[in-house]
C-alpha atoms as a PDB file:
ATOM      1  CA  UNK A   1     119.473 -83.969-246.429  1.00  0.00           C
ATOM      2  CA  UNK A   2     119.550 -81.957-243.218  1.00  0.00           C
ATOM      3  CA  UNK A   3     116.212 -80.719-241.881  1.00  0.00           C
ATOM      4  CA  UNK A   4     116.035 -77.308-240.192  1.00  0.00           C
ATOM      5  CA  UNK A   5     113.238 -75.346-238.518  1.00  0.00           C
ATOM      6  CA  UNK A   6     112.968 -71.615-239.166  1.00  0.00           C
ATOM      7  CA  UNK A   7     110.687 -69.567-236.945  1.00  0.00           C
ATOM      8  CA  UNK A   8     109.631 -66.075-238.000  1.00  0.00           C
ATOM      9  CA  UNK A   9     109.755 -66.717-241.744  1.00  0.00           C
ATOM     10  CA  UNK A  10     107.290 -63.899-242.381  1.00  0.00           C
ATOM     11  CA  UNK A  11     109.929 -61.396-241.191  1.00  0.00           C
ATOM     12  CA  UNK A  12     112.857 -60.148-243.255  1.00  0.00           C
ATOM     13  CA  UNK A  13     115.548 -61.936-241.219  1.00  0.00           C
ATOM     14  CA  UNK A  14     113.586 -65.183-241.025  1.00  0.00           C
ATOM     15  CA  UNK A  15     113.003 -65.186-244.792  1.00  0.00           C
ATOM     16  CA  UNK A  16     116.678 -64.589-245.493  1.00  0.00           C
ATOM     17  CA  UNK A  17     117.557 -67.367-243.045  1.00  0.00           C
ATOM     18  CA  UNK A  18     115.275 -69.804-244.829  1.00  0.00           C
ATOM     19  CA  UNK A  19     116.632 -68.855-248.255  1.00  0.00           C
ATOM     20  CA  UNK A  20     120.257 -69.301-247.213  1.00  0.00           C
ATOM     21  CA  UNK A  21     119.630 -72.624-245.472  1.00  0.00           C
ATOM     22  CA  UNK A  22     117.830 -73.923-248.573  1.00  0.00           C
ATOM     23  CA  UNK A  23     120.624 -72.638-250.821  1.00  0.00           C
ATOM     24  CA  UNK A  24     123.030 -74.718-248.758  1.00  0.00           C
ATOM     25  CA  UNK A  25     121.030 -77.878-249.341  1.00  0.00           C
ATOM     26  CA  UNK A  26     118.786 -78.123-246.289  1.00  0.00           C
ATOM     27  CA  UNK A  27     115.102 -78.922-246.311  1.00  0.00           C
ATOM     28  CA  UNK A  28     113.579 -75.910-244.583  1.00  0.00           C
ATOM     29  CA  UNK A  29     110.515 -76.284-242.400  1.00  0.00           C
ATOM     30  CA  UNK A  30     108.781 -72.942-241.929  1.00  0.00           C
ATOM     31  CA  UNK A  31     107.439 -73.013-238.379  1.00  0.00           C
ATOM     32  CA  UNK A  32     104.451 -70.661-238.302  1.00  0.00           C
ATOM     33  CA  UNK A  33     101.517 -69.857-236.042  1.00  0.00           C
ATOM     34  CA  UNK A  34      99.394 -69.405-239.177  1.00  0.00           C
ATOM     35  CA  UNK A  35     100.576 -71.677-241.974  1.00  0.00           C
ATOM     36  CA  UNK A  36      98.366 -69.828-244.474  1.00  0.00           C
ATOM     37  CA  UNK A  37     100.115 -66.497-243.969  1.00  0.00           C
ATOM     38  CA  UNK A  38     101.810 -65.039-247.051  1.00  0.00           C
ATOM     39  CA  UNK A  39     105.614 -65.110-247.083  1.00  0.00           C
ATOM     40  CA  UNK A  40     106.429 -62.838-250.017  1.00  0.00           C
ATOM     41  CA  UNK A  41     110.029 -63.742-250.793  1.00  0.00           C
ATOM     42  CA  UNK A  42     109.369 -67.461-250.452  1.00  0.00           C
ATOM     43  CA  UNK A  43     106.040 -67.855-252.250  1.00  0.00           C
ATOM     44  CA  UNK A  44     107.596 -68.736-255.632  1.00  0.00           C
ATOM     45  CA  UNK A  45     110.433 -70.774-254.136  1.00  0.00           C
ATOM     46  CA  UNK A  46     107.980 -72.858-252.109  1.00  0.00           C
ATOM     47  CA  UNK A  47     106.399 -74.057-255.340  1.00  0.00           C
ATOM     48  CA  UNK A  48     109.774 -75.468-256.421  1.00  0.00           C
ATOM     49  CA  UNK A  49     110.090 -77.582-253.289  1.00  0.00           C
ATOM     50  CA  UNK A  50     112.589 -77.639-250.463  1.00  0.00           C
ATOM     51  CA  UNK A  51     110.278 -75.751-248.105  1.00  0.00           C
ATOM     52  CA  UNK A  52     107.390 -77.056-246.048  1.00  0.00           C
ATOM     53  CA  UNK A  53     105.144 -75.236-243.617  1.00  0.00           C
ATOM     54  CA  UNK A  54     104.431 -76.589-240.177  1.00  0.00           C
ATOM     55  CA  UNK A  55     102.296 -75.201-237.354  1.00  0.00           C
ATOM     56  CA  UNK A  56     104.246 -74.186-234.263  1.00  0.00           C
ATOM     57  CA  UNK A  57     104.390 -71.234-231.897  1.00  0.00           C
ATOM     58  CA  UNK A  58     107.509 -70.277-229.955  1.00  0.00           C
ATOM     59  CA  UNK A  59     105.366 -68.724-227.247  1.00  0.00           C
ATOM     60  CA  UNK A  60     103.542 -72.047-226.742  1.00  0.00           C
ATOM     61  CA  UNK A  61     106.197 -74.706-225.996  1.00  0.00           C
ATOM     62  CA  UNK A  62     103.549 -77.434-226.114  1.00  0.00           C
ATOM     63  CA  UNK A  63     103.351 -76.994-229.912  1.00  0.00           C
ATOM     64  CA  UNK A  64     107.073 -77.483-230.459  1.00  0.00           C
ATOM     65  CA  UNK A  65     107.497 -81.185-229.768  1.00  0.00           C
ATOM     66  CA  UNK A  66     105.167 -82.260-232.570  1.00  0.00           C
ATOM     67  CA  UNK A  67     106.796 -79.830-235.010  1.00  0.00           C
ATOM     68  CA  UNK A  68     110.289 -81.114-234.289  1.00  0.00           C
ATOM     69  CA  UNK A  69     109.234 -84.753-234.457  1.00  0.00           C
ATOM     70  CA  UNK A  70     107.325 -84.329-237.724  1.00  0.00           C
ATOM     71  CA  UNK A  71     110.077 -82.338-239.412  1.00  0.00           C
ATOM     72  CA  UNK A  72     112.973 -84.433-238.181  1.00  0.00           C
ATOM     73  CA  UNK A  73     114.849 -81.184-237.669  1.00  0.00           C
ATOM     74  CA  UNK A  74     117.925 -81.131-235.466  1.00  0.00           C
ATOM     75  CA  UNK A  75     118.665 -77.401-235.840  1.00  0.00           C
ATOM     76  CA  UNK A  76     116.409 -74.368-235.449  1.00  0.00           C
ATOM     77  CA  UNK A  77     116.495 -70.621-235.950  1.00  0.00           C
ATOM     78  CA  UNK A  78     114.442 -68.577-233.519  1.00  0.00           C
ATOM     79  CA  UNK A  79     113.962 -65.013-232.391  1.00  0.00           C
ATOM     80  CA  UNK A  80     113.619 -63.462-228.948  1.00  0.00           C
ATOM     81  CA  UNK A  81     110.081 -63.307-227.546  1.00  0.00           C
ATOM     82  CA  UNK A  82     109.580 -60.001-225.769  1.00  0.00           C
ATOM     83  CA  UNK A  83     106.875 -61.067-223.313  1.00  0.00           C
ATOM     84  CA  UNK A  84     107.963 -64.608-222.450  1.00  0.00           C
ATOM     85  CA  UNK A  85     107.251 -65.166-218.729  1.00  0.00           C
ATOM     86  CA  UNK A  86     110.362 -67.309-218.269  1.00  0.00           C
ATOM     87  CA  UNK A  87     112.638 -65.653-220.866  1.00  0.00           C
ATOM     88  CA  UNK A  88     112.009 -68.594-223.224  1.00  0.00           C
ATOM     89  CA  UNK A  89     113.551 -71.237-220.974  1.00  0.00           C
ATOM     90  CA  UNK A  90     110.555 -73.556-221.444  1.00  0.00           C
ATOM     91  CA  UNK A  91     110.877 -72.991-225.215  1.00  0.00           C
ATOM     92  CA  UNK A  92     114.535 -74.013-225.189  1.00  0.00           C
ATOM     93  CA  UNK A  93     113.789 -77.037-223.019  1.00  0.00           C
ATOM     94  CA  UNK A  94     110.946 -78.169-225.289  1.00  0.00           C
ATOM     95  CA  UNK A  95     113.112 -77.917-228.403  1.00  0.00           C
ATOM     96  CA  UNK A  96     115.954 -79.767-226.714  1.00  0.00           C
ATOM     97  CA  UNK A  97     113.639 -82.491-225.425  1.00  0.00           C
ATOM     98  CA  UNK A  98     112.164 -82.995-228.891  1.00  0.00           C
ATOM     99  CA  UNK A  99     115.537 -83.535-230.560  1.00  0.00           C
ATOM    100  CA  UNK A 100     116.979 -80.129-231.460  1.00  0.00           C
ATOM    101  CA  UNK A 101     120.736 -80.111-230.822  1.00  0.00           C
ATOM    102  CA  UNK A 102     121.749 -76.766-232.384  1.00  0.00           C
ATOM    103  CA  UNK A 103     120.087 -73.357-232.155  1.00  0.00           C
ATOM    104  CA  UNK A 104     120.657 -70.023-233.820  1.00  0.00           C
ATOM    105  CA  UNK A 105     119.124 -67.332-231.615  1.00  0.00           C
ATOM    106  CA  UNK A 106     118.532 -63.801-232.883  1.00  0.00           C
ATOM    107  CA  UNK A 107     119.564 -61.493-230.057  1.00  0.00           C
ATOM    108  CA  UNK A 108     120.904 -57.906-230.074  1.00  0.00           C
ATOM    109  CA  UNK A 109     124.234 -56.094-229.938  1.00  0.00           C
ATOM    110  CA  UNK A 110     122.707 -54.053-227.109  1.00  0.00           C
ATOM    111  CA  UNK A 111     123.668 -57.005-224.892  1.00  0.00           C
ATOM    112  CA  UNK A 112     127.114 -56.693-223.362  1.00  0.00           C
ATOM    113  CA  UNK A 113     129.414 -59.363-221.939  1.00  0.00           C
ATOM    114  CA  UNK A 114     129.737 -60.678-219.355  1.00  0.00           C
ATOM    115  CA  UNK A 115     126.015 -61.332-219.208  1.00  0.00           C
ATOM    116  CA  UNK A 116     124.494 -59.450-216.298  1.00  0.00           C
ATOM    117  CA  UNK A 117     121.280 -57.621-215.512  1.00  0.00           C
ATOM    118  CA  UNK A 118     123.079 -55.005-213.428  1.00  0.00           C
ATOM    119  CA  UNK A 119     122.008 -51.491-214.417  1.00  0.00           C
ATOM    120  CA  UNK A 120     120.066 -52.769-217.432  1.00  0.00           C
ATOM    121  CA  UNK A 121     117.355 -50.158-217.287  1.00  0.00           C
ATOM    122  CA  UNK A 122     116.491 -50.322-220.992  1.00  0.00           C
ATOM    123  CA  UNK A 123     114.104 -52.964-222.252  1.00  0.00           C
ATOM    124  CA  UNK A 124     116.009 -54.062-225.373  1.00  0.00           C
ATOM    125  CA  UNK A 125     119.263 -55.163-223.700  1.00  0.00           C
ATOM    126  CA  UNK A 126     117.450 -56.502-220.630  1.00  0.00           C
ATOM    127  CA  UNK A 127     115.037 -58.788-222.496  1.00  0.00           C
ATOM    128  CA  UNK A 128     117.713 -60.128-224.827  1.00  0.00           C
ATOM    129  CA  UNK A 129     120.164 -60.656-221.965  1.00  0.00           C
ATOM    130  CA  UNK A 130     117.559 -62.523-219.940  1.00  0.00           C
ATOM    131  CA  UNK A 131     116.848 -64.753-222.937  1.00  0.00           C
ATOM    132  CA  UNK A 132     120.533 -65.463-223.528  1.00  0.00           C
ATOM    133  CA  UNK A 133     120.927 -66.327-219.844  1.00  0.00           C
ATOM    134  CA  UNK A 134     117.954 -68.706-220.008  1.00  0.00           C
ATOM    135  CA  UNK A 135     119.522 -70.432-223.015  1.00  0.00           C
ATOM    136  CA  UNK A 136     122.809 -70.785-221.160  1.00  0.00           C
ATOM    137  CA  UNK A 137     121.033 -72.180-218.105  1.00  0.00           C
ATOM    138  CA  UNK A 138     119.164 -74.762-220.197  1.00  0.00           C
ATOM    139  CA  UNK A 139     122.395 -76.530-221.073  1.00  0.00           C
ATOM    140  CA  UNK A 140     122.870 -79.446-223.432  1.00  0.00           C
ATOM    141  CA  UNK A 141     122.344 -77.354-226.549  1.00  0.00           C
ATOM    142  CA  UNK A 142     124.899 -76.052-228.970  1.00  0.00           C
ATOM    143  CA  UNK A 143     123.988 -72.519-229.936  1.00  0.00           C
ATOM    144  CA  UNK A 144     125.095 -69.520-231.952  1.00  0.00           C
ATOM    145  CA  UNK A 145     123.754 -66.266-230.547  1.00  0.00           C
ATOM    146  CA  UNK A 146     123.544 -63.582-233.216  1.00  0.00           C
ATOM    147  CA  UNK A 147     123.941 -60.002-232.013  1.00  0.00           C
ATOM    148  CA  UNK A 148     123.281 -57.737-234.992  1.00  0.00           C
ATOM    149  CA  UNK A 149     123.711 -53.984-234.908  1.00  0.00           C
ATOM    150  CA  UNK A 150     121.312 -51.281-236.077  1.00  0.00           C
ATOM    151  CA  UNK A 151     118.998 -52.608-238.784  1.00  0.00           C
ATOM    152  CA  UNK A 152     118.953 -50.660-242.051  1.00  0.00           C
ATOM    153  CA  UNK A 153     115.207 -51.324-242.090  1.00  0.00           C
ATOM    154  CA  UNK A 154     114.853 -48.955-239.109  1.00  0.00           C
ATOM    155  CA  UNK A 155     115.158 -46.208-241.719  1.00  0.00           C
ATOM    156  CA  UNK A 156     111.643 -47.031-242.912  1.00  0.00           C
ATOM    157  CA  UNK A 157     110.364 -44.862-240.055  1.00  0.00           C
ATOM    158  CA  UNK A 158     111.551 -41.875-242.105  1.00  0.00           C
ATOM    159  CA  UNK A 159     109.892 -42.954-245.370  1.00  0.00           C
ATOM    160  CA  UNK A 160     107.195 -40.292-245.326  1.00  0.00           C
ATOM    161  CA  UNK A 161     109.752 -37.559-244.723  1.00  0.00           C
ATOM    162  CA  UNK A 162     111.933 -38.826-247.577  1.00  0.00           C
ATOM    163  CA  UNK A 163     108.901 -38.724-249.886  1.00  0.00           C
ATOM    164  CA  UNK A 164     108.259 -35.119-248.878  1.00  0.00           C
ATOM    165  CA  UNK A 165     111.945 -34.166-249.081  1.00  0.00           C
ATOM    166  CA  UNK A 166     112.148 -33.042-245.427  1.00  0.00           C
ATOM    167  CA  UNK A 167     113.064 -35.482-242.672  1.00  0.00           C
ATOM    168  CA  UNK A 168     112.866 -34.554-238.997  1.00  0.00           C
ATOM    169  CA  UNK A 169     115.415 -36.483-236.935  1.00  0.00           C
ATOM    170  CA  UNK A 170     116.296 -36.728-233.267  1.00  0.00           C
ATOM    171  CA  UNK A 171     120.105 -36.724-232.937  1.00  0.00           C
ATOM    172  CA  UNK A 172     120.896 -36.797-236.704  1.00  0.00           C
ATOM    173  CA  UNK A 173     124.629 -37.167-236.012  1.00  0.00           C
ATOM    174  CA  UNK A 174     124.140 -40.476-234.210  1.00  0.00           C
ATOM    175  CA  UNK A 175     126.444 -43.068-235.807  1.00  0.00           C
ATOM    176  CA  UNK A 176     125.150 -46.514-236.754  1.00  0.00           C
ATOM    177  CA  UNK A 177     126.279 -49.493-238.844  1.00  0.00           C
ATOM    178  CA  UNK A 178     122.964 -50.045-240.716  1.00  0.00           C
ATOM    179  CA  UNK A 179     123.299 -53.815-241.048  1.00  0.00           C
ATOM    180  CA  UNK A 180     121.084 -55.302-243.761  1.00  0.00           C
ATOM    181  CA  UNK A 181     118.537 -57.957-242.638  1.00  0.00           C
ATOM    182  CA  UNK A 182     119.581 -60.153-245.572  1.00  0.00           C
ATOM    183  CA  UNK A 183     123.098 -60.331-244.101  1.00  0.00           C
ATOM    184  CA  UNK A 184     121.805 -61.317-240.678  1.00  0.00           C
ATOM    185  CA  UNK A 185     119.647 -64.015-242.231  1.00  0.00           C
ATOM    186  CA  UNK A 186     122.460 -65.242-244.463  1.00  0.00           C
ATOM    187  CA  UNK A 187     124.679 -65.696-241.410  1.00  0.00           C
ATOM    188  CA  UNK A 188     121.880 -67.462-239.549  1.00  0.00           C
ATOM    189  CA  UNK A 189     120.989 -69.772-242.444  1.00  0.00           C
ATOM    190  CA  UNK A 190     124.602 -70.691-243.048  1.00  0.00           C
ATOM    191  CA  UNK A 191     125.169 -71.538-239.392  1.00  0.00           C
ATOM    192  CA  UNK A 192     121.997 -73.640-239.288  1.00  0.00           C
ATOM    193  CA  UNK A 193     123.457 -75.912-241.943  1.00  0.00           C
ATOM    194  CA  UNK A 194     127.192 -75.841-241.198  1.00  0.00           C
ATOM    195  CA  UNK A 195     126.986 -75.468-237.389  1.00  0.00           C
ATOM    196  CA  UNK A 196     130.441 -73.982-237.694  1.00  0.00           C
ATOM    197  CA  UNK A 197     130.255 -71.630-234.710  1.00  0.00           C
ATOM    198  CA  UNK A 198     129.000 -71.660-231.149  1.00  0.00           C
ATOM    199  CA  UNK A 199     128.675 -68.711-228.807  1.00  0.00           C
ATOM    200  CA  UNK A 200     128.188 -65.037-229.620  1.00  0.00           C
ATOM    201  CA  UNK A 201     128.436 -63.936-233.254  1.00  0.00           C
ATOM    202  CA  UNK A 202     128.435 -60.160-233.779  1.00  0.00           C
ATOM    203  CA  UNK A 203     127.054 -59.013-237.134  1.00  0.00           C
ATOM    204  CA  UNK A 204     127.470 -55.435-238.356  1.00  0.00           C
ATOM    205  CA  UNK A 205     127.008 -53.456-241.539  1.00  0.00           C
ATOM    206  CA  UNK A 206     130.184 -52.586-243.495  1.00  0.00           C
ATOM    207  CA  UNK A 207     129.983 -48.797-243.095  1.00  0.00           C
ATOM    208  CA  UNK A 208     129.637 -46.579-240.052  1.00  0.00           C
ATOM    209  CA  UNK A 209     127.831 -43.359-240.833  1.00  0.00           C
ATOM    210  CA  UNK A 210     125.719 -40.677-239.249  1.00  0.00           C
ATOM    211  CA  UNK A 211     121.961 -41.019-239.432  1.00  0.00           C
ATOM    212  CA  UNK A 212     121.781 -37.914-241.592  1.00  0.00           C
ATOM    213  CA  UNK A 213     124.349 -39.403-243.982  1.00  0.00           C
ATOM    214  CA  UNK A 214     122.317 -42.601-244.242  1.00  0.00           C
ATOM    215  CA  UNK A 215     119.211 -40.605-245.122  1.00  0.00           C
ATOM    216  CA  UNK A 216     121.245 -38.920-247.847  1.00  0.00           C
ATOM    217  CA  UNK A 217     122.059 -42.371-249.241  1.00  0.00           C
ATOM    218  CA  UNK A 218     118.343 -43.207-249.247  1.00  0.00           C
ATOM    219  CA  UNK A 219     117.553 -39.918-250.966  1.00  0.00           C
ATOM    220  CA  UNK A 220     120.070 -40.484-253.725  1.00  0.00           C
ATOM    221  CA  UNK A 221     118.670 -43.961-254.379  1.00  0.00           C
ATOM    222  CA  UNK A 222     115.256 -42.351-254.799  1.00  0.00           C
ATOM    223  CA  UNK A 223     116.572 -39.467-256.885  1.00  0.00           C
ATOM    224  CA  UNK A 224     115.575 -37.001-254.189  1.00  0.00           C
ATOM    225  CA  UNK A 225     117.327 -34.285-252.220  1.00  0.00           C
ATOM    226  CA  UNK A 226     116.605 -34.874-248.548  1.00  0.00           C
ATOM    227  CA  UNK A 227     116.668 -31.958-246.121  1.00  0.00           C
ATOM    228  CA  UNK A 228     117.451 -33.355-242.646  1.00  0.00           C
ATOM    229  CA  UNK A 229     116.235 -31.168-239.780  1.00  0.00           C
ATOM    230  CA  UNK A 230     117.026 -31.814-236.128  1.00  0.00           C
ATOM    231  CA  UNK A 231     114.207 -32.079-233.606  1.00  0.00           C
ATOM    232  CA  UNK A 232     114.272 -32.305-229.818  1.00  0.00           C
ATOM    233  CA  UNK A 233     113.391 -35.288-227.659  1.00  0.00           C
ATOM    234  CA  UNK A 234     109.859 -34.137-226.851  1.00  0.00           C
ATOM    235  CA  UNK A 235     108.987 -33.683-230.525  1.00  0.00           C
ATOM    236  CA  UNK A 236     110.470 -37.066-231.386  1.00  0.00           C
ATOM    237  CA  UNK A 237     108.456 -38.795-228.650  1.00  0.00           C
ATOM    238  CA  UNK A 238     105.315 -37.105-229.924  1.00  0.00           C
ATOM    239  CA  UNK A 239     106.026 -38.341-233.450  1.00  0.00           C
ATOM    240  CA  UNK A 240     106.437 -41.936-232.285  1.00  0.00           C
ATOM    241  CA  UNK A 241     103.609 -41.877-229.759  1.00  0.00           C
ATOM    242  CA  UNK A 242     102.002 -44.786-231.624  1.00  0.00           C
ATOM    243  CA  UNK A 243     104.711 -47.211-230.417  1.00  0.00           C
ATOM    244  CA  UNK A 244     104.753 -48.691-226.889  1.00  0.00           C
ATOM    245  CA  UNK A 245     106.368 -46.412-224.329  1.00  0.00           C
ATOM    246  CA  UNK A 246     109.158 -48.864-223.505  1.00  0.00           C
ATOM    247  CA  UNK A 247     110.146 -49.034-227.185  1.00  0.00           C
ATOM    248  CA  UNK A 248     110.004 -45.254-227.556  1.00  0.00           C
ATOM    249  CA  UNK A 249     112.223 -44.843-224.496  1.00  0.00           C
ATOM    250  CA  UNK A 250     114.675 -47.351-225.947  1.00  0.00           C
ATOM    251  CA  UNK A 251     114.808 -45.503-229.287  1.00  0.00           C
ATOM    252  CA  UNK A 252     115.591 -42.246-227.494  1.00  0.00           C
ATOM    253  CA  UNK A 253     118.328 -43.875-225.404  1.00  0.00           C
ATOM    254  CA  UNK A 254     119.845 -45.542-228.465  1.00  0.00           C
ATOM    255  CA  UNK A 255     120.055 -42.323-230.482  1.00  0.00           C
ATOM    256  CA  UNK A 256     121.541 -40.487-227.517  1.00  0.00           C
ATOM    257  CA  UNK A 257     124.190 -43.144-226.918  1.00  0.00           C
ATOM    258  CA  UNK A 258     125.178 -43.346-230.566  1.00  0.00           C
ATOM    259  CA  UNK A 259     125.355 -39.568-230.800  1.00  0.00           C
ATOM    260  CA  UNK A 260     127.453 -39.182-227.655  1.00  0.00           C
ATOM    261  CA  UNK A 261     129.870 -42.033-228.301  1.00  0.00           C
ATOM    262  CA  UNK A 262     129.598 -42.327-232.084  1.00  0.00           C
ATOM    263  CA  UNK A 263     132.075 -44.743-233.564  1.00  0.00           C
ATOM    264  CA  UNK A 264     133.119 -45.773-230.078  1.00  0.00           C
ATOM    265  CA  UNK A 265     129.992 -47.927-230.006  1.00  0.00           C
ATOM    266  CA  UNK A 266     131.733 -50.199-232.525  1.00  0.00           C
ATOM    267  CA  UNK A 267     135.197 -50.893-231.056  1.00  0.00           C
ATOM    268  CA  UNK A 268     135.664 -54.070-233.120  1.00  0.00           C
ATOM    269  CA  UNK A 269     133.851 -52.994-236.265  1.00  0.00           C
ATOM    270  CA  UNK A 270     136.279 -54.453-238.805  1.00  0.00           C
ATOM    271  CA  UNK A 271     136.163 -57.783-236.987  1.00  0.00           C
ATOM    272  CA  UNK A 272     132.380 -57.923-236.735  1.00  0.00           C
ATOM    273  CA  UNK A 273     131.917 -56.966-240.396  1.00  0.00           C
ATOM    274  CA  UNK A 274     134.339 -59.723-241.339  1.00  0.00           C
ATOM    275  CA  UNK A 275     132.046 -62.215-239.602  1.00  0.00           C
ATOM    276  CA  UNK A 276     129.555 -61.851-242.455  1.00  0.00           C
ATOM    277  CA  UNK A 277     132.078 -62.876-245.101  1.00  0.00           C
ATOM    278  CA  UNK A 278     133.632 -65.491-242.828  1.00  0.00           C
ATOM    279  CA  UNK A 279     130.311 -67.274-242.400  1.00  0.00           C
ATOM    280  CA  UNK A 280     128.591 -66.628-245.737  1.00  0.00           C
ATOM    281  CA  UNK A 281     131.559 -66.471-248.141  1.00  0.00           C
ATOM    282  CA  UNK A 282     130.434 -63.093-249.490  1.00  0.00           C
ATOM    283  CA  UNK A 283     131.015 -59.497-248.481  1.00  0.00           C
ATOM    284  CA  UNK A 284     128.532 -57.620-246.317  1.00  0.00           C
ATOM    285  CA  UNK A 285     125.952 -55.581-248.235  1.00  0.00           C
ATOM    286  CA  UNK A 286     126.411 -51.802-248.278  1.00  0.00           C
ATOM    287  CA  UNK A 287     123.580 -49.459-247.360  1.00  0.00           C
ATOM    288  CA  UNK A 288     123.557 -47.972-250.868  1.00  0.00           C
ATOM    289  CA  UNK A 289     122.900 -51.421-252.348  1.00  0.00           C
ATOM    290  CA  UNK A 290     120.119 -52.091-249.874  1.00  0.00           C
ATOM    291  CA  UNK A 291     118.618 -48.657-250.579  1.00  0.00           C
ATOM    292  CA  UNK A 292     118.374 -49.420-254.295  1.00  0.00           C
ATOM    293  CA  UNK A 293     116.332 -52.520-253.553  1.00  0.00           C
ATOM    294  CA  UNK A 294     114.160 -50.757-250.994  1.00  0.00           C
ATOM    295  CA  UNK A 295     113.640 -47.444-252.746  1.00  0.00           C
ATOM    296  CA  UNK A 296     110.028 -48.132-253.725  1.00  0.00           C
ATOM    297  CA  UNK A 297     109.146 -47.988-250.025  1.00  0.00           C
ATOM    298  CA  UNK A 298     110.752 -44.554-249.733  1.00  0.00           C
ATOM    299  CA  UNK A 299     109.847 -43.020-253.082  1.00  0.00           C
ATOM    300  CA  UNK A 300     106.105 -43.333-252.554  1.00  0.00           C
END
């Protein structure tokens, strides 16, 4: 039986990664800072075996060697750390030194090839690009770098508006792919076990639609009529003042870019959607299907 390490199992992508890797026959070690933390989707499955928790922290490379040695894992799924002082290079080196030979790194489609920091003024592409470059510089590791598109779960920011029937949106005609976290995790978990791909793997949702259209899909799942009203940048920034400024700035830039260029942001959409089925042997999940499963969060 192959042993794999999954970091971030308390998040939606990490949970889906763990589930898919286990489904494919791996023993999944859930690498966690707090091994007592609840992992909702896995709580029942853990009782059946095939999962084991182990203490480790990606931001503290000194904890990784023991985790790899104890688990016997040779493959690991990990996410990008936003505030890593060396863009995770010491993390990659620690995993490699402990015996990991294959990594699946969760990055972002905001990163463009060829890798370069030129004109990367936005935090999201810059941090992910720096991390990808650090991985490349480490050498000696096989790796699949996942670059997913716009998460469907980003729509949760509009949950209160959906409940009230009126949603205020900055750039409602911005076009996104709304990729489902379960698809990203399924791709990651499959690759952890099969190690069938190296390099960049783009992962997108099966349908391109305007933000206002997506909110209509959410409304229908909840049995509600959603009135989408456009707001300006200043109002939007005021509404999201609770998030760090760099994230707020990135959200504004993203909506602007996807409104200005629309479907041009996805020049190879059919190819990137096909990656989901190519790797997982099932079709990508549509937003309407995801909305049905998530409607309790929107319906209130």
